[in-house]
Protein backbone atom coordinates (compact mmCIF):
# COMPACT_ATOMS: atom_id res chain seq x y z
CA MET A 1 134.15 118.02 108.46
CA SER A 2 137.16 117.62 106.24
CA LYS A 3 140.72 116.49 106.77
CA ALA A 4 143.65 118.26 105.18
CA GLY A 5 147.29 117.61 105.91
CA GLY A 6 146.35 115.21 108.71
CA VAL A 7 144.41 117.90 110.60
CA PHE A 8 140.64 118.17 110.85
CA THR A 9 138.94 121.42 109.92
CA ARG A 10 135.28 122.37 110.09
CA VAL A 11 133.08 124.89 108.38
CA ASN A 12 132.86 128.11 110.43
CA GLU A 13 136.10 127.35 112.32
CA PRO A 14 138.56 130.25 112.35
CA GLN A 15 140.89 129.90 109.38
CA LEU A 16 143.73 131.33 111.44
CA PRO A 17 143.23 130.05 115.02
CA LEU A 18 144.53 132.13 117.87
CA ILE A 19 146.98 129.32 118.67
CA PRO A 20 147.85 127.14 115.65
CA MET A 21 146.87 123.58 116.54
CA GLU A 22 149.21 122.20 113.87
CA GLN A 23 152.16 123.92 115.57
CA THR A 24 151.22 122.43 118.93
CA LEU A 25 150.97 118.93 117.46
CA LYS A 26 154.42 119.28 115.90
CA GLU A 27 155.89 120.48 119.18
CA ILE A 28 154.59 117.49 121.13
CA GLU A 29 155.16 114.85 118.45
CA GLY A 30 158.44 113.66 119.94
CA LEU A 31 157.21 114.03 123.52
CA VAL A 32 153.85 112.28 123.31
CA SER A 33 153.99 109.01 121.40
CA LEU A 34 152.60 105.53 121.91
CA PRO A 35 155.03 103.04 123.51
CA GLU A 36 156.78 100.43 121.39
CA ILE A 37 154.83 97.66 123.12
CA TYR A 38 151.60 98.97 121.62
CA LEU A 39 153.18 99.44 118.19
CA LYS A 40 154.25 95.77 118.28
CA PHE A 41 150.70 94.83 119.21
CA ARG A 42 149.29 96.84 116.32
CA ARG A 43 151.67 95.18 113.88
CA LEU A 44 150.32 91.82 115.02
CA MET A 45 146.77 93.08 114.44
CA ASP A 46 147.73 93.91 110.86
CA ASP A 47 149.27 90.46 110.28
CA ARG A 48 146.67 87.86 109.30
CA ASN A 49 149.02 85.07 110.32
CA SER A 50 149.30 86.23 113.94
CA THR A 51 148.29 83.67 116.58
CA ILE A 52 147.16 83.82 120.19
CA GLY A 53 150.69 82.76 121.08
CA ASP A 54 152.12 85.79 119.27
CA PHE A 55 149.82 88.17 121.16
CA SER A 56 150.50 86.42 124.47
CA GLU A 57 154.23 86.82 123.95
CA VAL A 58 153.97 90.55 123.25
CA VAL A 59 151.61 91.27 126.16
CA GLY A 60 153.63 89.04 128.49
CA SER A 61 156.81 90.93 127.65
CA ASP A 62 155.42 93.98 129.46
CA PRO A 63 154.62 93.11 133.11
CA ASN A 64 152.53 96.26 133.63
CA LEU A 65 150.37 95.60 130.57
CA ALA A 66 150.03 91.90 131.39
CA GLY A 67 149.00 92.69 134.96
CA THR A 68 146.47 95.26 133.81
CA VAL A 69 144.93 92.84 131.30
CA LEU A 70 144.51 90.11 133.91
CA LYS A 71 143.05 92.50 136.49
CA VAL A 72 140.56 93.95 134.03
CA VAL A 73 139.47 90.62 132.56
CA ASN A 74 138.76 89.37 136.10
CA SER A 75 136.73 92.46 137.02
CA ALA A 76 132.95 92.85 137.21
CA TYR A 77 133.14 94.85 133.99
CA PHE A 78 133.35 91.59 132.03
CA GLY A 79 131.80 89.24 134.58
CA PHE A 80 133.51 86.05 133.41
CA PRO A 81 132.99 83.09 135.77
CA GLY A 82 136.07 81.77 137.57
CA GLN A 83 139.57 83.17 137.86
CA ILE A 84 141.47 83.83 134.61
CA ASP A 85 145.18 83.50 135.31
CA SER A 86 146.85 83.40 131.88
CA ILE A 87 147.19 85.90 129.05
CA SER A 88 146.33 83.28 126.43
CA ARG A 89 143.08 82.45 128.24
CA ALA A 90 142.28 86.17 128.53
CA ILE A 91 142.83 86.61 124.80
CA ALA A 92 140.66 83.61 123.99
CA LEU A 93 137.81 85.09 126.04
CA LEU A 94 138.20 88.72 125.02
CA GLY A 95 139.17 88.38 121.37
CA PHE A 96 141.89 90.30 119.60
CA GLY A 97 139.79 93.43 119.11
CA THR A 98 138.96 93.97 122.78
CA LEU A 99 142.52 93.15 123.79
CA HIS A 100 143.74 95.73 121.26
CA HIS A 101 141.50 98.35 122.86
CA MET A 102 142.83 97.50 126.32
CA ALA A 103 146.44 97.68 125.12
CA LEU A 104 145.73 101.01 123.43
CA GLY A 105 144.11 102.47 126.52
CA ALA A 106 146.91 101.39 128.84
CA SER A 107 149.56 102.62 126.40
CA ALA A 108 147.91 106.00 125.91
CA MET A 109 147.60 106.54 129.66
CA THR A 110 151.33 105.83 130.00
CA SER A 111 152.20 108.23 127.17
CA LEU A 112 150.09 111.02 128.62
CA ASP A 113 151.29 110.67 132.19
CA PHE A 114 152.45 114.24 132.60
CA PRO A 115 151.15 116.43 135.43
CA ASN A 116 149.37 119.74 135.34
CA ASP A 117 148.16 122.18 137.98
CA ILE A 118 144.56 122.28 136.75
CA VAL A 119 143.12 118.76 137.15
CA PRO A 120 144.86 115.97 139.11
CA LEU A 121 145.72 113.10 136.75
CA ARG A 122 143.92 110.56 138.92
CA THR A 123 140.70 112.61 138.81
CA PHE A 124 141.10 113.05 135.07
CA TRP A 125 141.45 109.30 134.43
CA GLN A 126 138.65 108.45 136.90
CA CYS A 127 136.34 110.65 134.85
CA SER A 128 137.56 109.14 131.58
CA LEU A 129 137.24 105.55 132.85
CA PHE A 130 133.67 106.17 133.96
CA THR A 131 132.84 107.70 130.58
CA GLY A 132 134.11 104.63 128.78
CA VAL A 133 132.36 102.16 131.06
CA LEU A 134 129.03 104.00 130.98
CA ALA A 135 129.10 104.50 127.20
CA ARG A 136 129.56 100.76 126.66
CA LEU A 137 126.90 99.79 129.24
CA LEU A 138 124.42 102.21 127.65
CA ALA A 139 125.12 100.57 124.29
CA ILE A 140 124.38 97.19 125.86
CA GLN A 141 121.17 98.56 127.40
CA LEU A 142 120.08 99.79 123.97
CA LYS A 143 121.12 96.46 122.38
CA ILE A 144 123.65 98.14 120.10
CA ARG A 145 126.11 95.73 118.53
CA ASN A 146 129.85 96.28 118.16
CA ASP A 147 130.05 98.32 121.36
CA GLU A 148 133.55 97.21 122.40
CA GLY A 149 135.31 100.27 121.01
CA LEU A 150 133.19 102.65 123.08
CA PHE A 151 135.16 101.89 126.22
CA VAL A 152 138.55 102.90 124.86
CA ILE A 153 137.12 105.92 123.01
CA GLY A 154 135.52 107.00 126.28
CA LEU A 155 138.82 106.50 128.04
CA LEU A 156 140.67 108.64 125.49
CA HIS A 157 138.05 111.18 124.42
CA GLU A 158 139.46 113.98 126.63
CA ILE A 159 143.16 113.53 125.89
CA GLY A 160 143.07 116.88 124.12
CA HIS A 161 142.53 118.47 127.51
CA LEU A 162 145.80 117.05 128.82
CA ILE A 163 147.61 118.80 125.98
CA ILE A 164 145.75 122.06 126.59
CA TYR A 165 146.33 121.93 130.36
CA SER A 166 150.04 121.31 129.86
CA LYS A 167 150.75 123.70 126.99
CA TYR A 168 148.25 126.50 127.66
CA PRO A 169 147.42 126.56 131.39
CA ARG A 170 146.49 130.24 131.46
CA GLN A 171 144.01 129.87 128.63
CA ALA A 172 142.67 126.63 130.10
CA LYS A 173 142.01 128.31 133.44
CA GLU A 174 140.24 131.18 131.70
CA ALA A 175 137.97 128.74 129.84
CA ILE A 176 137.19 126.90 133.09
CA GLU A 177 136.37 130.19 134.79
CA ARG A 178 133.95 131.12 132.02
CA ARG A 179 132.25 127.74 132.45
CA LYS A 180 131.97 128.10 136.22
CA GLU A 181 130.49 131.57 135.85
CA GLY A 182 127.86 130.04 133.60
CA LYS A 183 128.92 132.11 130.63
CA GLN A 184 129.90 129.32 128.21
CA MET A 185 130.21 125.57 127.83
CA ILE A 186 133.84 124.51 128.09
CA HIS A 187 134.28 123.66 124.41
CA ILE A 188 132.77 126.99 123.36
CA ALA A 189 135.04 128.89 125.74
CA GLU A 190 138.10 127.01 124.47
CA GLN A 191 137.12 127.67 120.87
CA ALA A 192 136.86 131.38 121.61
CA ILE A 193 140.11 131.59 123.58
CA LEU A 194 142.33 129.09 121.73
CA GLY A 195 140.73 128.75 118.33
CA PHE A 196 140.01 125.03 118.94
CA HIS A 197 138.50 122.87 121.67
CA TYR A 198 139.61 119.71 123.44
CA GLY A 199 137.71 117.37 121.12
CA GLN A 200 139.46 118.79 118.08
CA MET A 201 142.88 118.61 119.74
CA GLY A 202 142.26 115.03 120.86
CA ALA A 203 141.07 113.93 117.42
CA ASN A 204 144.15 115.36 115.78
CA LEU A 205 146.47 113.72 118.30
CA MET A 206 144.73 110.43 117.46
CA ALA A 207 145.34 111.13 113.78
CA GLN A 208 149.01 111.74 114.58
CA TRP A 209 149.05 108.36 116.34
CA GLN A 210 147.31 106.80 113.31
CA LEU A 211 144.42 105.51 115.39
CA PRO A 212 141.20 104.39 113.64
CA THR A 213 139.25 107.14 111.89
CA ASN A 214 136.08 106.41 113.87
CA PHE A 215 138.00 107.09 117.10
CA GLN A 216 139.02 110.46 115.70
CA VAL A 217 135.52 111.38 114.51
CA MET A 218 133.82 110.40 117.77
CA THR A 219 136.36 112.33 119.83
CA TYR A 220 136.07 115.38 117.57
CA PHE A 221 132.27 115.60 117.77
CA GLN A 222 131.64 114.37 121.33
CA PRO A 223 131.19 117.95 122.65
CA THR A 224 128.86 118.83 119.72
CA PRO A 225 126.99 115.65 118.70
CA SER A 226 124.36 117.56 116.73
CA GLU A 227 127.08 118.66 114.30
CA ALA A 228 128.33 115.12 113.67
CA PRO A 229 127.96 113.64 110.19
CA ASP A 230 125.04 111.21 110.01
CA GLN A 231 124.28 111.77 113.73
CA GLN A 232 126.20 108.68 114.78
CA LEU A 233 124.58 107.00 117.77
CA GLY A 234 127.96 106.17 119.31
CA ILE A 235 128.85 109.87 119.46
CA VAL A 236 125.61 110.62 121.28
CA LEU A 237 126.24 107.81 123.79
CA LEU A 238 129.72 109.20 124.38
CA HIS A 239 128.28 112.69 124.88
CA VAL A 240 125.75 111.43 127.45
CA ALA A 241 128.37 109.38 129.30
CA HIS A 242 130.73 112.37 129.34
CA GLY A 243 128.01 114.53 130.86
CA TYR A 244 127.40 112.08 133.69
CA ALA A 245 131.15 111.69 134.29
CA GLN A 246 131.52 115.45 134.61
CA HIS A 247 128.51 115.49 136.96
CA TYR A 248 129.93 112.79 139.26
CA PHE A 249 133.66 113.49 139.20
CA ALA A 250 134.31 117.09 138.16
CA ASP A 251 133.50 120.41 139.78
CA THR A 252 131.97 122.02 136.71
CA GLY A 253 129.33 124.15 138.40
CA GLN A 254 126.84 122.87 135.82
CA THR A 255 123.73 120.73 136.02
CA LEU A 256 123.11 117.57 134.03
CA GLU A 257 120.65 119.55 131.93
CA GLN A 258 123.49 121.87 130.95
CA LEU A 259 126.02 119.09 130.41
CA ILE A 260 123.83 116.87 128.20
CA SER A 261 121.96 118.30 125.23
CA PRO A 262 118.20 117.59 125.00
CA GLU A 263 118.72 116.34 121.45
CA ALA A 264 120.97 113.58 122.80
CA TRP A 265 118.14 112.15 124.90
CA ASP A 266 115.84 112.31 121.92
CA THR A 267 118.37 110.45 119.77
CA ILE A 268 118.80 107.52 122.17
CA ASN A 269 115.08 107.59 123.01
CA LEU A 270 115.62 107.48 126.77
CA VAL A 271 115.05 109.77 129.73
CA PRO A 272 117.43 110.03 132.69
CA GLY A 273 115.26 107.88 134.95
CA GLN A 274 115.54 104.94 132.55
CA ILE A 275 119.27 104.57 133.00
CA GLN A 276 119.54 104.63 136.81
CA ALA A 277 120.36 100.92 137.06
CA THR A 278 122.97 101.28 134.32
CA LEU A 279 124.52 104.23 136.14
CA GLU A 280 124.86 102.17 139.32
CA LYS A 281 126.53 99.35 137.38
CA ALA A 282 128.87 101.84 135.73
CA LEU A 283 129.90 103.36 139.06
CA GLN A 284 130.68 99.91 140.47
CA ALA A 285 132.48 98.68 137.37
CA SER A 286 134.54 101.86 136.92
CA SER A 287 135.57 101.69 140.59
CA GLU A 288 136.95 98.20 139.97
CA MET A 289 138.64 99.37 136.77
CA GLU A 290 140.35 102.16 138.71
CA LYS A 291 141.95 99.58 141.01
CA ALA A 292 143.11 97.59 137.99
CA ILE A 293 144.40 100.44 135.84
CA LEU A 294 145.20 103.46 138.00
CA ARG A 295 148.29 103.19 140.15
């Protein structure tokens, strides 16, 4: 994979896509942008002199974000003992990095809150929340360090679909129909019809938002983990979690065996039966997260 002019390209991709992705990104640039509250937060992250008080002030200035943070930090997802009733206490327990991910997730959901007639937004975010929760819990099960970012990447990994559903509903419906008929996986159908798939669109939107490069790479290769550089384990975990999310929450007409590549199981050295307890935890935790985040 290479990156030219802020847009990812890949060997064997059409040089002239049926619908230019760059044109789409330019068209939505002024319509889909991260809120100022998150940009303030990111500036604090870049300032070494920032304090807990600075972060508390920014989060507290947005009642919706503050409420979401407190609900999530008190959920079973984190499992902290006792009630946490202040932003400063939440930051002290979570750390700046995890709080950044939460602020990013909440901000992105606000920015992408536009309807479509293909997938209800609530169903879309339920699926995305479950993906993020399960990806992180699988990382914990496998004793993988630095797993915090998996949640927000899981939450955002399908944002490309929201753009496709909104801008190209006819093509999106055609791709979904091909999937339901068992002809093609959704990303393959989108590649054939549009010239790009949802992972590529999402990665390039993240680049436009100047999100971390690893977020972009994981989103780009989630549908095709075997093509990822260095076979990153996080991408495989995201792919597996996405497959289960589609199985539980989406009417894909596909089995788990079709949704999750055999190579993914080999990479994480697990079989489906070994993650049943983790799946049950993820379903419970994501249900609580829905109450905290989805309105």
